[in-house]
C-alpha atoms as a PDB file:
ATOM      1  CA  MET A   1      10.978  -2.910  16.987  1.00  0.00           C
ATOM      2  CA  ARG A   2      10.394  -1.661  13.352  1.00  0.00           C
ATOM      3  CA  LEU A   3       6.662  -1.935  12.121  1.00  0.00           C
ATOM      4  CA  GLU A   4       5.858  -2.383   8.957  1.00  0.00           C
ATOM      5  CA  VAL A   5       2.744  -2.477   7.003  1.00  0.00           C
ATOM      6  CA  VAL A   6       1.477  -3.729   3.479  1.00  0.00           C
ATOM      7  CA  LEU A   7      -1.010  -1.838   1.366  1.00  0.00           C
ATOM      8  CA  PRO A   8      -3.568  -3.038  -1.206  1.00  0.00           C
ATOM      9  CA  ASN A   9      -2.388  -2.560  -4.585  1.00  0.00           C
ATOM     10  CA  GLU A  10      -3.580  -5.822  -6.797  1.00  0.00           C
ATOM     11  CA  SER A  11      -6.832  -4.282  -7.978  1.00  0.00           C
ATOM     12  CA  ALA A  12      -7.728  -1.532 -10.041  1.00  0.00           C
ATOM     13  CA  ALA A  13     -10.109  -0.111  -7.821  1.00  0.00           C
ATOM     14  CA  VAL A  14      -7.664   1.071  -5.758  1.00  0.00           C
ATOM     15  CA  ALA A  15      -6.344   4.015  -7.228  1.00  0.00           C
ATOM     16  CA  PRO A  16      -2.633   5.223  -7.083  1.00  0.00           C
ATOM     17  CA  GLU A  17      -3.515   8.474  -5.142  1.00  0.00           C
ATOM     18  CA  ARG A  18      -4.858   6.398  -2.459  1.00  0.00           C
ATOM     19  CA  ILE A  19      -2.275   4.562  -2.027  1.00  0.00           C
ATOM     20  CA  ALA A  20       0.108   7.312  -1.474  1.00  0.00           C
ATOM     21  CA  GLU A  21      -2.584   8.587   0.520  1.00  0.00           C
ATOM     22  CA  LEU A  22      -2.344   5.205   2.806  1.00  0.00           C
ATOM     23  CA  ALA A  23       1.156   5.500   2.515  1.00  0.00           C
ATOM     24  CA  VAL A  24       1.421   9.037   4.035  1.00  0.00           C
ATOM     25  CA  SER A  25      -0.928   8.014   7.098  1.00  0.00           C
ATOM     26  CA  ALA A  26       1.224   5.017   7.601  1.00  0.00           C
ATOM     27  CA  GLU A  27       4.526   7.297   8.450  1.00  0.00           C
ATOM     28  CA  ARG A  28       2.328   9.904  10.339  1.00  0.00           C
ATOM     29  CA  LEU A  29       1.125   6.832  12.479  1.00  0.00           C
ATOM     30  CA  GLY A  30       4.755   5.768  12.875  1.00  0.00           C
ATOM     31  CA  TYR A  31       5.579   2.962  10.911  1.00  0.00           C
ATOM     32  CA  ASP A  32       9.105   2.210   9.521  1.00  0.00           C
ATOM     33  CA  THR A  33       8.208   0.879   6.385  1.00  0.00           C
ATOM     34  CA  VAL A  34       5.214   0.612   3.317  1.00  0.00           C
ATOM     35  CA  TRP A  35       5.054  -2.531   1.304  1.00  0.00           C
ATOM     36  CA  LEU A  36       3.366  -2.997  -1.604  1.00  0.00           C
ATOM     37  CA  PRO A  37       2.509  -6.847  -3.389  1.00  0.00           C
ATOM     38  CA  ASP A  38       4.703  -7.242  -6.733  1.00  0.00           C
ATOM     39  CA  HIS A  39       1.611  -8.520  -8.522  1.00  0.00           C
ATOM     40  CA  VAL A  40       1.101  -4.697 -10.281  1.00  0.00           C
ATOM     41  CA  LEU A  41      -1.408  -6.280 -12.548  1.00  0.00           C
ATOM     42  CA  PRO A  42      -4.673  -7.377 -11.301  1.00  0.00           C
ATOM     43  CA  PRO A  43      -6.034 -10.811 -12.030  1.00  0.00           C
ATOM     44  CA  GLU A  44      -8.749 -11.330 -14.543  1.00  0.00           C
ATOM     45  CA  PRO A  45     -11.984 -11.965 -12.871  1.00  0.00           C
END
């Protein structure tokens, strides 16, 4: 079974460094794939 995880990136509050840390953690936990939503610009409040 393949395990995948979707990481948050749709908010300006999520720093790119944090996304990278989460991706490394997912790899260490054995996840096969890390996905990011394709909405790279956060919506206006």
